[in-house]
Protein backbone atom coordinates (compact mmCIF):
# COMPACT_ATOMS: atom_id res chain seq x y z
CA UNK A 1 -13.31 33.98 -47.75
CA UNK A 2 -13.40 37.17 -49.84
CA UNK A 3 -14.12 39.66 -47.04
CA UNK A 4 -13.08 40.88 -43.60
CA UNK A 5 -15.52 42.35 -41.08
CA UNK A 6 -15.19 44.12 -37.76
CA UNK A 7 -17.61 45.90 -35.44
CA UNK A 8 -16.75 49.33 -34.09
CA UNK A 9 -19.94 49.69 -32.07
CA UNK A 10 -21.72 53.01 -31.71
CA UNK A 11 -19.56 55.77 -33.14
CA UNK A 12 -20.38 58.07 -30.21
CA UNK A 13 -18.56 55.54 -27.98
CA UNK A 14 -15.53 55.33 -30.26
CA UNK A 15 -12.08 55.48 -28.67
CA UNK A 16 -9.88 58.42 -29.67
CA UNK A 17 -8.42 56.56 -32.69
CA UNK A 18 -8.98 53.10 -34.16
CA UNK A 19 -6.77 51.95 -37.05
CA UNK A 20 -8.44 49.43 -39.38
CA UNK A 21 -5.31 48.21 -41.21
CA UNK A 22 -4.61 45.16 -39.02
CA UNK A 23 -8.22 44.27 -38.18
CA UNK A 24 -9.26 44.18 -41.84
CA UNK A 25 -5.90 43.10 -43.32
CA UNK A 26 -5.90 46.17 -45.60
CA UNK A 27 -3.33 46.06 -48.40
CA UNK A 28 -3.99 49.27 -50.36
CA UNK A 29 -4.71 51.92 -47.74
CA UNK A 30 -4.87 52.74 -44.04
CA UNK A 31 -8.16 53.90 -42.56
CA UNK A 32 -8.67 55.27 -39.08
CA UNK A 33 -11.87 56.10 -37.23
CA UNK A 34 -11.39 59.06 -34.90
CA UNK A 35 -13.15 60.90 -32.08
CA UNK A 36 -11.88 64.33 -31.08
CA UNK A 37 -13.48 65.43 -27.83
CA UNK A 38 -13.68 69.01 -26.54
CA UNK A 39 -10.29 70.69 -26.58
CA UNK A 40 -8.60 67.90 -28.55
CA UNK A 41 -5.63 68.82 -30.71
CA UNK A 42 -2.98 66.46 -32.05
CA UNK A 43 0.10 67.32 -29.95
CA UNK A 44 2.34 67.54 -33.03
CA UNK A 45 2.21 68.61 -36.68
CA UNK A 46 3.07 65.96 -39.25
CA UNK A 47 3.40 65.23 -42.95
CA UNK A 48 3.93 62.06 -44.96
CA UNK A 49 6.66 60.78 -47.25
CA UNK A 50 4.37 59.23 -49.90
CA UNK A 51 0.80 59.06 -48.61
CA UNK A 52 -2.02 61.51 -49.17
CA UNK A 53 -4.79 61.65 -46.58
CA UNK A 54 -8.52 62.28 -46.94
CA UNK A 55 -10.36 63.54 -43.84
CA UNK A 56 -14.14 62.97 -43.81
CA UNK A 57 -16.01 64.76 -41.02
CA UNK A 58 -19.00 62.70 -39.85
CA UNK A 59 -20.14 64.75 -36.85
CA UNK A 60 -19.27 67.98 -35.11
CA UNK A 61 -16.95 70.74 -36.25
CA UNK A 62 -13.43 71.99 -35.79
CA UNK A 63 -10.32 72.92 -37.75
CA UNK A 64 -7.83 71.16 -39.98
CA UNK A 65 -4.62 73.12 -40.33
CA UNK A 66 -2.58 72.64 -43.52
CA UNK A 67 0.70 74.53 -44.02
CA UNK A 68 -0.34 77.11 -41.42
CA UNK A 69 -3.81 77.72 -42.94
CA UNK A 70 -6.76 76.86 -40.66
CA UNK A 71 -9.64 75.29 -42.57
CA UNK A 72 -12.97 75.28 -40.76
CA UNK A 73 -14.60 71.83 -41.08
CA UNK A 74 -17.96 70.46 -40.06
CA UNK A 75 -20.22 67.47 -40.63
CA UNK A 76 -20.01 66.69 -44.35
CA UNK A 77 -16.62 68.38 -44.96
CA UNK A 78 -14.03 66.37 -46.90
CA UNK A 79 -10.39 67.51 -47.13
CA UNK A 80 -7.59 65.86 -49.13
CA UNK A 81 -4.03 66.68 -48.05
CA UNK A 82 -1.02 65.93 -50.24
CA UNK A 83 1.93 64.14 -48.61
CA UNK A 84 4.04 67.29 -48.12
CA UNK A 85 1.20 69.23 -46.48
CA UNK A 86 2.06 69.88 -42.82
CA UNK A 87 -1.14 69.09 -40.97
CA UNK A 88 -2.98 69.04 -37.67
CA UNK A 89 -6.59 68.76 -36.53
CA UNK A 90 -8.34 70.28 -33.53
CA UNK A 91 -11.72 70.53 -31.88
CA UNK A 92 -12.14 73.64 -29.72
CA UNK A 93 -15.91 73.06 -29.42
CA UNK A 94 -18.08 71.44 -26.73
CA UNK A 95 -19.40 68.68 -29.05
CA UNK A 96 -17.28 65.67 -30.05
CA UNK A 97 -16.04 65.61 -33.62
CA UNK A 98 -16.11 62.22 -35.37
CA UNK A 99 -14.08 61.72 -38.53
CA UNK A 100 -12.52 59.13 -40.83
CA UNK A 101 -9.00 59.42 -42.25
CA UNK A 102 -8.11 57.42 -45.37
CA UNK A 103 -4.41 57.26 -46.17
CA UNK A 104 -3.06 55.91 -49.45
CA UNK A 105 0.04 56.29 -51.61
CA UNK A 106 -0.32 59.36 -53.82
CA UNK A 107 -0.69 58.44 -57.50
CA UNK A 108 -1.30 54.72 -56.85
CA UNK A 109 -4.94 54.56 -58.03
CA UNK A 110 -4.98 52.83 -61.41
CA UNK A 111 -8.66 52.03 -61.93
CA UNK A 112 -11.79 53.02 -60.08
CA UNK A 113 -15.56 52.68 -60.14
CA UNK A 114 -16.64 51.19 -63.50
CA UNK A 115 -13.06 50.90 -64.77
CA UNK A 116 -12.22 48.44 -62.00
CA UNK A 117 -15.59 46.67 -61.86
CA UNK A 118 -16.58 43.47 -63.61
CA UNK A 119 -20.32 43.10 -64.14
CA UNK A 120 -21.42 39.49 -63.53
């Protein structure tokens, strides 16, 4: 079988964080689906040794802090953070914020889009 599939259900009912690595047997990245409810803030800052992260905001608004700078984000915002960037995310608003985080080793992408595709 050349695929893995899982069902998350309605995104508005999403748990705080769901990692897809194990469920989909991912081998090139980690992806998490996230819900930040009113007042949510990660209780710690963090950075990575090798992995960059891309945050994709699907719904709501809030802040992503990188190296002490607060970036306002909203539905449609996309933020890439290099491994050494000290980061946090928060939602001080009344509406839930839904977002995806894709984590992959910085500099590991060798081919993409048409370069990696084989037309059959």
